[in-house]
Amino acid sequence: MPTKKQKEFVDAVQEAADQPLNQDMLLSLVGYNCRRAYLAIMPLFHERMSELDLRAVDFSVLSLLLANPNITQKRLSGAINVSPPNLAILLDRLELRGLLVRQRNPLDKRSQTLVLTREGARMAAQAEQRVAALEAEATAALSDAERAQLLKLLQKLFTPACE
């Protein structure tokens, strides 16, 4: 037979189980909300990009090179916040797949520029279409104006001069 203390404990656990979780503190944090949104979107991204064998960083590189042919590895490294040694490994992998080529920079022989191959440009365009569709699905609860405002506000966090 349970003691009074055990019964009180069981009752307290049952009461807690019946109550909605109080997430007020977490939901007041930008980082927590960004992470939750990320966790909702990334499975869709991985599912759709797996068919193209692209990771998020691969997609970022291809998209940037599609829009900015002949940029240097240094500029690309800064844009995606990947260290030069890690970027070199990533570029090696994309180059082996025939998606990009490195070329000696004619303005500075010590650096290389990057350009997509025809296949790389085709894959980048296809990946961008898939990502645009999944972003539309993931943000369907937002109006166009709300989505634009969300993007602008998030961008202010990582590029303070962006207004």
N, C-alpha and C. Protein backbone atom coordinates (compact mmCIF):
# COMPACT_ATOMS: atom_id res chain seq x y z
N MET A 1 0.84 -1.18 0.00
CA MET A 1 0.00 0.00 0.00
C MET A 1 0.89 1.24 0.00
N PRO A 2 0.65 2.16 -0.95
CA PRO A 2 1.49 3.35 -1.04
C PRO A 2 1.30 4.26 0.18
N THR A 3 2.40 4.89 0.51
CA THR A 3 2.35 5.85 1.61
C THR A 3 1.72 7.14 1.11
N LYS A 4 1.39 7.99 2.06
CA LYS A 4 0.80 9.28 1.70
C LYS A 4 1.77 10.08 0.83
N LYS A 5 3.05 10.02 1.16
CA LYS A 5 4.07 10.75 0.40
C LYS A 5 4.16 10.22 -1.04
N GLN A 6 4.10 8.89 -1.21
CA GLN A 6 4.14 8.29 -2.55
C GLN A 6 2.91 8.70 -3.35
N LYS A 7 1.74 8.70 -2.71
CA LYS A 7 0.51 9.09 -3.40
C LYS A 7 0.56 10.55 -3.83
N GLU A 8 1.07 11.41 -2.97
CA GLU A 8 1.22 12.83 -3.32
C GLU A 8 2.15 12.99 -4.52
N PHE A 9 3.22 12.19 -4.52
CA PHE A 9 4.17 12.25 -5.63
C PHE A 9 3.51 11.81 -6.93
N VAL A 10 2.76 10.70 -6.88
CA VAL A 10 2.06 10.20 -8.07
C VAL A 10 1.07 11.25 -8.56
N ASP A 11 0.35 11.86 -7.63
CA ASP A 11 -0.62 12.90 -8.01
C ASP A 11 0.08 14.10 -8.66
N ALA A 12 1.24 14.49 -8.11
CA ALA A 12 1.99 15.62 -8.66
C ALA A 12 2.50 15.31 -10.06
N VAL A 13 2.97 14.08 -10.26
CA VAL A 13 3.45 13.67 -11.59
C VAL A 13 2.30 13.66 -12.58
N GLN A 14 1.14 13.16 -12.15
CA GLN A 14 -0.03 13.13 -13.03
C GLN A 14 -0.48 14.54 -13.39
N GLU A 15 -0.48 15.42 -12.40
CA GLU A 15 -0.87 16.81 -12.66
C GLU A 15 0.08 17.46 -13.67
N ALA A 16 1.38 17.22 -13.51
CA ALA A 16 2.37 17.78 -14.44
C ALA A 16 2.16 17.23 -15.84
N ALA A 17 1.83 15.94 -15.94
CA ALA A 17 1.62 15.31 -17.24
C ALA A 17 0.40 15.88 -17.96
N ASP A 18 -0.57 16.34 -17.17
CA ASP A 18 -1.81 16.86 -17.75
C ASP A 18 -1.71 18.33 -18.18
N GLN A 19 -0.66 19.01 -17.78
CA GLN A 19 -0.51 20.44 -18.07
C GLN A 19 0.31 20.64 -19.35
N PRO A 20 -0.02 21.65 -20.14
CA PRO A 20 0.85 21.97 -21.29
C PRO A 20 2.20 22.46 -20.77
N LEU A 21 3.25 22.19 -21.54
CA LEU A 21 4.58 22.64 -21.15
C LEU A 21 4.66 24.15 -21.22
N ASN A 22 5.27 24.73 -20.23
CA ASN A 22 5.53 26.17 -20.25
C ASN A 22 6.86 26.38 -20.95
N GLN A 23 6.80 26.90 -22.16
CA GLN A 23 8.01 27.14 -22.96
C GLN A 23 8.29 28.64 -23.11
N ASP A 24 7.69 29.44 -22.26
CA ASP A 24 7.79 30.89 -22.40
C ASP A 24 9.23 31.37 -22.52
N MET A 25 10.10 30.87 -21.64
CA MET A 25 11.50 31.32 -21.67
C MET A 25 12.14 30.96 -23.01
N LEU A 26 12.03 29.72 -23.42
CA LEU A 26 12.65 29.28 -24.67
C LEU A 26 12.07 30.02 -25.87
N LEU A 27 10.76 30.19 -25.89
CA LEU A 27 10.13 30.86 -27.02
C LEU A 27 10.43 32.35 -27.09
N SER A 28 11.01 32.89 -26.03
CA SER A 28 11.42 34.30 -26.05
C SER A 28 12.83 34.47 -26.60
N LEU A 29 13.51 33.37 -26.94
CA LEU A 29 14.90 33.41 -27.41
C LEU A 29 14.97 33.29 -28.93
N VAL A 30 15.64 34.23 -29.56
CA VAL A 30 15.79 34.21 -31.01
C VAL A 30 16.49 32.92 -31.46
N GLY A 31 17.58 32.57 -30.78
CA GLY A 31 18.33 31.38 -31.16
C GLY A 31 17.50 30.12 -31.11
N TYR A 32 16.71 29.99 -30.06
CA TYR A 32 15.85 28.80 -29.92
C TYR A 32 14.84 28.74 -31.07
N ASN A 33 14.22 29.86 -31.37
CA ASN A 33 13.23 29.89 -32.45
C ASN A 33 13.87 29.64 -33.81
N CYS A 34 15.05 30.18 -34.03
CA CYS A 34 15.76 29.92 -35.29
C CYS A 34 16.09 28.43 -35.41
N ARG A 35 16.55 27.85 -34.32
CA ARG A 35 16.90 26.43 -34.32
C ARG A 35 15.67 25.57 -34.59
N ARG A 36 14.54 25.90 -33.97
CA ARG A 36 13.31 25.13 -34.20
C ARG A 36 12.86 25.24 -35.65
N ALA A 37 12.95 26.44 -36.22
CA ALA A 37 12.59 26.61 -37.63
C ALA A 37 13.54 25.81 -38.52
N TYR A 38 14.82 25.86 -38.20
CA TYR A 38 15.84 25.10 -38.94
C TYR A 38 15.51 23.60 -38.89
N LEU A 39 15.18 23.11 -37.71
CA LEU A 39 14.88 21.68 -37.55
C LEU A 39 13.62 21.28 -38.32
N ALA A 40 12.72 22.21 -38.54
CA ALA A 40 11.52 21.92 -39.32
C ALA A 40 11.81 21.90 -40.82
N ILE A 41 12.74 22.74 -41.26
CA ILE A 41 13.03 22.88 -42.69
C ILE A 41 14.09 21.89 -43.19
N MET A 42 15.10 21.61 -42.39
CA MET A 42 16.23 20.82 -42.87
C MET A 42 15.88 19.39 -43.29
N PRO A 43 14.96 18.70 -42.65
CA PRO A 43 14.62 17.36 -43.17
C PRO A 43 14.08 17.42 -44.60
N LEU A 44 13.29 18.45 -44.90
CA LEU A 44 12.81 18.62 -46.28
C LEU A 44 13.98 18.88 -47.23
N PHE A 45 14.91 19.72 -46.77
CA PHE A 45 16.09 20.03 -47.59
C PHE A 45 16.88 18.76 -47.87
N HIS A 46 17.17 17.99 -46.83
CA HIS A 46 17.97 16.77 -47.00
C HIS A 46 17.28 15.77 -47.92
N GLU A 47 15.98 15.64 -47.76
CA GLU A 47 15.21 14.71 -48.59
C GLU A 47 15.32 15.09 -50.07
N ARG A 48 15.15 16.37 -50.37
CA ARG A 48 15.13 16.79 -51.77
C ARG A 48 16.53 16.91 -52.38
N MET A 49 17.49 17.24 -51.56
CA MET A 49 18.86 17.37 -52.08
C MET A 49 19.58 16.02 -52.13
N SER A 50 19.09 15.03 -51.39
CA SER A 50 19.74 13.72 -51.41
C SER A 50 19.70 13.11 -52.82
N GLU A 51 18.64 13.40 -53.55
CA GLU A 51 18.53 12.91 -54.92
C GLU A 51 19.64 13.49 -55.81
N LEU A 52 20.11 14.68 -55.46
CA LEU A 52 21.19 15.32 -56.21
C LEU A 52 22.54 15.09 -55.54
N ASP A 53 22.53 14.39 -54.41
CA ASP A 53 23.74 14.14 -53.61
C ASP A 53 24.41 15.46 -53.21
N LEU A 54 23.59 16.39 -52.72
CA LEU A 54 24.10 17.70 -52.28
C LEU A 54 23.79 17.91 -50.81
N ARG A 55 24.78 18.39 -50.08
CA ARG A 55 24.58 18.84 -48.71
C ARG A 55 24.29 20.33 -48.75
N ALA A 56 23.90 20.88 -47.61
CA ALA A 56 23.57 22.31 -47.55
C ALA A 56 24.74 23.17 -47.99
N VAL A 57 25.94 22.85 -47.55
CA VAL A 57 27.11 23.65 -47.92
C VAL A 57 27.42 23.50 -49.41
N ASP A 58 27.21 22.32 -49.97
CA ASP A 58 27.40 22.13 -51.42
C ASP A 58 26.44 23.02 -52.19
N PHE A 59 25.18 23.03 -51.74
CA PHE A 59 24.18 23.87 -52.38
C PHE A 59 24.58 25.34 -52.32
N SER A 60 25.06 25.78 -51.16
CA SER A 60 25.47 27.18 -51.01
C SER A 60 26.58 27.53 -51.99
N VAL A 61 27.56 26.64 -52.12
CA VAL A 61 28.67 26.88 -53.05
C VAL A 61 28.16 26.96 -54.48
N LEU A 62 27.37 25.98 -54.89
CA LEU A 62 26.87 25.97 -56.27
C LEU A 62 26.02 27.21 -56.56
N SER A 63 25.17 27.58 -55.62
CA SER A 63 24.31 28.75 -55.82
C SER A 63 25.15 30.02 -55.94
N LEU A 64 26.14 30.17 -55.08
CA LEU A 64 27.00 31.36 -55.15
C LEU A 64 27.80 31.40 -56.45
N LEU A 65 28.29 30.25 -56.88
CA LEU A 65 29.07 30.23 -58.13
C LEU A 65 28.19 30.45 -59.35
N LEU A 66 26.94 30.00 -59.28
CA LEU A 66 26.02 30.26 -60.39
C LEU A 66 25.79 31.76 -60.53
N ALA A 67 25.62 32.44 -59.41
CA ALA A 67 25.35 33.88 -59.43
C ALA A 67 26.61 34.72 -59.56
N ASN A 68 27.78 34.14 -59.22
CA ASN A 68 29.04 34.90 -59.18
C ASN A 68 30.18 34.11 -59.80
N PRO A 69 30.13 33.88 -61.10
CA PRO A 69 31.23 33.11 -61.70
C PRO A 69 32.57 33.83 -61.55
N ASN A 70 33.60 33.04 -61.43
CA ASN A 70 34.98 33.53 -61.36
C ASN A 70 35.31 34.27 -60.07
N ILE A 71 34.61 33.96 -58.98
CA ILE A 71 35.03 34.53 -57.70
C ILE A 71 36.20 33.71 -57.17
N THR A 72 36.95 34.31 -56.29
CA THR A 72 38.10 33.61 -55.72
C THR A 72 37.65 32.69 -54.59
N GLN A 73 38.50 31.71 -54.29
CA GLN A 73 38.22 30.82 -53.18
C GLN A 73 38.14 31.60 -51.88
N LYS A 74 38.95 32.64 -51.75
CA LYS A 74 38.96 33.44 -50.52
C LYS A 74 37.61 34.13 -50.32
N ARG A 75 37.07 34.72 -51.38
CA ARG A 75 35.76 35.37 -51.26
C ARG A 75 34.67 34.37 -50.96
N LEU A 76 34.73 33.21 -51.60
CA LEU A 76 33.74 32.17 -51.35
C LEU A 76 33.83 31.69 -49.90
N SER A 77 35.03 31.50 -49.42
CA SER A 77 35.25 31.07 -48.04
C SER A 77 34.61 32.05 -47.05
N GLY A 78 34.82 33.33 -47.27
CA GLY A 78 34.23 34.34 -46.40
C GLY A 78 32.72 34.38 -46.48
N ALA A 79 32.19 34.19 -47.68
CA ALA A 79 30.74 34.28 -47.89
C ALA A 79 29.99 33.16 -47.19
N ILE A 80 30.58 31.97 -47.15
CA ILE A 80 29.87 30.83 -46.54
C ILE A 80 30.43 30.47 -45.18
N ASN A 81 31.41 31.25 -44.71
CA ASN A 81 31.99 31.05 -43.38
C ASN A 81 32.56 29.65 -43.20
N VAL A 82 33.33 29.21 -44.18
CA VAL A 82 34.02 27.92 -44.13
C VAL A 82 35.51 28.21 -44.22
N SER A 83 36.28 27.58 -43.35
CA SER A 83 37.73 27.83 -43.35
C SER A 83 38.34 27.38 -44.68
N PRO A 84 39.42 28.05 -45.11
CA PRO A 84 40.05 27.67 -46.38
C PRO A 84 40.41 26.18 -46.50
N PRO A 85 40.98 25.54 -45.46
CA PRO A 85 41.27 24.11 -45.61
C PRO A 85 40.01 23.26 -45.82
N ASN A 86 38.95 23.58 -45.09
CA ASN A 86 37.70 22.83 -45.27
C ASN A 86 37.07 23.12 -46.62
N LEU A 87 37.19 24.36 -47.08
CA LEU A 87 36.65 24.71 -48.39
C LEU A 87 37.40 23.95 -49.48
N ALA A 88 38.71 23.82 -49.34
CA ALA A 88 39.50 23.10 -50.34
C ALA A 88 39.00 21.66 -50.49
N ILE A 89 38.70 21.01 -49.38
CA ILE A 89 38.19 19.63 -49.41
C ILE A 89 36.83 19.59 -50.10
N LEU A 90 35.97 20.53 -49.76
CA LEU A 90 34.65 20.62 -50.37
C LEU A 90 34.76 20.85 -51.88
N LEU A 91 35.64 21.77 -52.27
CA LEU A 91 35.81 22.07 -53.69
C LEU A 91 36.40 20.88 -54.44
N ASP A 92 37.32 20.16 -53.79
CA ASP A 92 37.88 18.95 -54.41
C ASP A 92 36.76 17.98 -54.76
N ARG A 93 35.85 17.78 -53.81
CA ARG A 93 34.74 16.84 -54.02
C ARG A 93 33.84 17.30 -55.17
N LEU A 94 33.51 18.58 -55.20
CA LEU A 94 32.65 19.09 -56.28
C LEU A 94 33.37 19.07 -57.63
N GLU A 95 34.67 19.31 -57.60
CA GLU A 95 35.45 19.26 -58.84
C GLU A 95 35.52 17.83 -59.37
N LEU A 96 35.71 16.85 -58.47
CA LEU A 96 35.74 15.44 -58.89
C LEU A 96 34.42 15.01 -59.52
N ARG A 97 33.34 15.62 -59.08
CA ARG A 97 32.02 15.31 -59.64
C ARG A 97 31.79 16.04 -60.97
N GLY A 98 32.74 16.87 -61.37
CA GLY A 98 32.61 17.59 -62.63
C GLY A 98 31.67 18.78 -62.56
N LEU A 99 31.48 19.33 -61.35
CA LEU A 99 30.53 20.43 -61.19
C LEU A 99 31.20 21.80 -61.23
N LEU A 100 32.49 21.87 -61.00
CA LEU A 100 33.20 23.15 -61.04
C LEU A 100 34.63 22.93 -61.47
N VAL A 101 35.26 24.01 -61.89
CA VAL A 101 36.69 24.00 -62.20
C VAL A 101 37.35 25.18 -61.50
N ARG A 102 38.60 24.95 -61.12
CA ARG A 102 39.43 26.02 -60.56
C ARG A 102 40.32 26.52 -61.69
N GLN A 103 40.49 27.83 -61.71
CA GLN A 103 41.35 28.44 -62.74
C GLN A 103 42.29 29.41 -62.06
N ARG A 104 43.49 29.50 -62.56
CA ARG A 104 44.46 30.45 -62.01
C ARG A 104 43.91 31.85 -62.24
N ASN A 105 43.95 32.68 -61.23
CA ASN A 105 43.45 34.05 -61.30
C ASN A 105 44.42 34.87 -62.16
N PRO A 106 43.96 35.43 -63.28
CA PRO A 106 44.87 36.19 -64.14
C PRO A 106 45.34 37.50 -63.49
N LEU A 107 44.62 37.97 -62.47
CA LEU A 107 45.01 39.20 -61.79
C LEU A 107 45.95 38.96 -60.62
N ASP A 108 45.97 37.72 -60.13
CA ASP A 108 46.83 37.36 -59.00
C ASP A 108 47.13 35.87 -59.11
N LYS A 109 48.29 35.55 -59.64
CA LYS A 109 48.65 34.15 -59.93
C LYS A 109 48.70 33.28 -58.67
N ARG A 110 48.68 33.90 -57.50
CA ARG A 110 48.72 33.12 -56.25
C ARG A 110 47.34 32.59 -55.87
N SER A 111 46.29 33.06 -56.52
CA SER A 111 44.94 32.62 -56.15
C SER A 111 44.24 31.97 -57.33
N GLN A 112 43.14 31.33 -57.02
CA GLN A 112 42.34 30.67 -58.05
C GLN A 112 40.93 31.24 -58.06
N THR A 113 40.35 31.23 -59.24
CA THR A 113 38.93 31.58 -59.35
C THR A 113 38.16 30.30 -59.59
N LEU A 114 36.87 30.37 -59.35
CA LEU A 114 36.02 29.19 -59.46
C LEU A 114 34.90 29.47 -60.45
N VAL A 115 34.59 28.47 -61.24
CA VAL A 115 33.50 28.59 -62.19
C VAL A 115 32.80 27.24 -62.31
N LEU A 116 31.50 27.28 -62.44
CA LEU A 116 30.75 26.04 -62.62
C LEU A 116 30.94 25.50 -64.03
N THR A 117 30.93 24.19 -64.14
CA THR A 117 30.88 23.57 -65.45
C THR A 117 29.44 23.64 -65.95
N ARG A 118 29.22 23.22 -67.16
CA ARG A 118 27.85 23.19 -67.68
C ARG A 118 26.97 22.30 -66.79
N GLU A 119 27.51 21.15 -66.39
CA GLU A 119 26.77 20.24 -65.50
C GLU A 119 26.55 20.89 -64.14
N GLY A 120 27.55 21.60 -63.64
CA GLY A 120 27.43 22.28 -62.35
C GLY A 120 26.35 23.36 -62.39
N ALA A 121 26.30 24.10 -63.48
CA ALA A 121 25.29 25.15 -63.63
C ALA A 121 23.90 24.54 -63.73
N ARG A 122 23.79 23.42 -64.44
CA ARG A 122 22.50 22.72 -64.56
C ARG A 122 22.05 22.22 -63.19
N MET A 123 22.97 21.61 -62.45
CA MET A 123 22.62 21.09 -61.13
C MET A 123 22.28 22.22 -60.16
N ALA A 124 23.04 23.31 -60.22
CA ALA A 124 22.76 24.45 -59.33
C ALA A 124 21.37 25.01 -59.60
N ALA A 125 21.01 25.16 -60.86
CA ALA A 125 19.68 25.69 -61.21
C ALA A 125 18.59 24.73 -60.75
N GLN A 126 18.80 23.45 -60.94
CA GLN A 126 17.82 22.45 -60.51
C GLN A 126 17.68 22.46 -58.98
N ALA A 127 18.80 22.54 -58.28
CA ALA A 127 18.77 22.58 -56.81
C ALA A 127 18.08 23.84 -56.32
N GLU A 128 18.34 24.97 -56.96
CA GLU A 128 17.69 26.22 -56.55
C GLU A 128 16.18 26.14 -56.72
N GLN A 129 15.72 25.50 -57.79
CA GLN A 129 14.27 25.33 -57.99
C GLN A 129 13.67 24.47 -56.88
N ARG A 130 14.35 23.40 -56.53
CA ARG A 130 13.86 22.52 -55.46
C ARG A 130 13.82 23.24 -54.12
N VAL A 131 14.87 24.00 -53.84
CA VAL A 131 14.93 24.72 -52.57
C VAL A 131 13.86 25.80 -52.52
N ALA A 132 13.64 26.49 -53.61
CA ALA A 132 12.59 27.52 -53.63
C ALA A 132 11.23 26.89 -53.35
N ALA A 133 10.98 25.72 -53.92
CA ALA A 133 9.70 25.04 -53.69
C ALA A 133 9.56 24.59 -52.24
N LEU A 134 10.61 24.05 -51.68
CA LEU A 134 10.51 23.58 -50.29
C LEU A 134 10.41 24.75 -49.32
N GLU A 135 11.06 25.86 -49.63
CA GLU A 135 10.93 27.05 -48.78
C GLU A 135 9.50 27.59 -48.83
N ALA A 136 8.88 27.55 -50.00
CA ALA A 136 7.49 27.99 -50.12
C ALA A 136 6.59 27.10 -49.26
N GLU A 137 6.83 25.80 -49.29
CA GLU A 137 6.05 24.88 -48.46
C GLU A 137 6.30 25.14 -46.97
N ALA A 138 7.56 25.28 -46.61
CA ALA A 138 7.93 25.43 -45.20
C ALA A 138 7.42 26.74 -44.61
N THR A 139 7.23 27.74 -45.44
CA THR A 139 6.77 29.05 -44.95
C THR A 139 5.34 29.37 -45.41
N ALA A 140 4.61 28.33 -45.73
CA ALA A 140 3.24 28.53 -46.24
C ALA A 140 2.34 29.25 -45.24
N ALA A 141 2.65 29.17 -43.96
CA ALA A 141 1.83 29.84 -42.95
C ALA A 141 2.05 31.35 -42.94
N LEU A 142 3.06 31.82 -43.67
CA LEU A 142 3.37 33.25 -43.71
C LEU A 142 2.86 33.87 -45.01
N SER A 143 2.45 35.11 -44.92
CA SER A 143 2.12 35.86 -46.14
C SER A 143 3.44 36.21 -46.82
N ASP A 144 3.36 36.67 -48.06
CA ASP A 144 4.57 37.09 -48.76
C ASP A 144 5.28 38.22 -48.00
N ALA A 145 4.49 39.14 -47.48
CA ALA A 145 5.07 40.27 -46.73
C ALA A 145 5.73 39.78 -45.44
N GLU A 146 5.09 38.85 -44.77
CA GLU A 146 5.68 38.31 -43.53
C GLU A 146 6.97 37.56 -43.81
N ARG A 147 6.97 36.78 -44.90
CA ARG A 147 8.18 36.04 -45.27
C ARG A 147 9.31 37.02 -45.58
N ALA A 148 9.02 38.05 -46.32
CA ALA A 148 10.03 39.06 -46.66
C ALA A 148 10.54 39.74 -45.39
N GLN A 149 9.64 40.05 -44.48
CA GLN A 149 10.04 40.69 -43.22
C GLN A 149 10.90 39.75 -42.39
N LEU A 150 10.53 38.49 -42.32
CA LEU A 150 11.32 37.50 -41.58
C LEU A 150 12.73 37.42 -42.14
N LEU A 151 12.86 37.32 -43.44
CA LEU A 151 14.19 37.27 -44.06
C LEU A 151 15.00 38.51 -43.75
N LYS A 152 14.36 39.67 -43.86
CA LYS A 152 15.08 40.93 -43.58
C LYS A 152 15.55 40.99 -42.13
N LEU A 153 14.70 40.58 -41.21
CA LEU A 153 15.06 40.61 -39.80
C LEU A 153 16.18 39.61 -39.48
N LEU A 154 16.09 38.41 -40.02
CA LEU A 154 17.15 37.42 -39.78
C LEU A 154 18.48 37.89 -40.37
N GLN A 155 18.43 38.49 -41.55
CA GLN A 155 19.65 38.98 -42.17
C GLN A 155 20.29 40.10 -41.37
N LYS A 156 19.48 40.88 -40.67
CA LYS A 156 20.03 41.95 -39.82
C LYS A 156 20.89 41.36 -38.70
N LEU A 157 20.60 40.14 -38.30
CA LEU A 157 21.37 39.51 -37.22
C LEU A 157 22.78 39.13 -37.66
N PHE A 158 22.94 38.72 -38.90
CA PHE A 158 24.28 38.31 -39.32
C PHE A 158 24.97 39.31 -40.25
N THR A 159 24.25 40.32 -40.68
CA THR A 159 24.85 41.43 -41.43
C THR A 159 24.26 42.72 -40.90
N PRO A 160 24.77 43.21 -39.79
CA PRO A 160 24.18 44.39 -39.14
C PRO A 160 24.02 45.61 -40.04
N ALA A 161 24.85 45.75 -41.06
CA ALA A 161 24.75 46.90 -41.94
C ALA A 161 23.63 46.74 -42.96
N CYS A 162 23.05 45.56 -43.05
CA CYS A 162 21.99 45.26 -44.02
C CYS A 162 20.68 45.87 -43.53
N GLU A 163 20.20 46.89 -44.20
CA GLU A 163 18.92 47.51 -43.80
C GLU A 163 18.11 47.90 -44.99
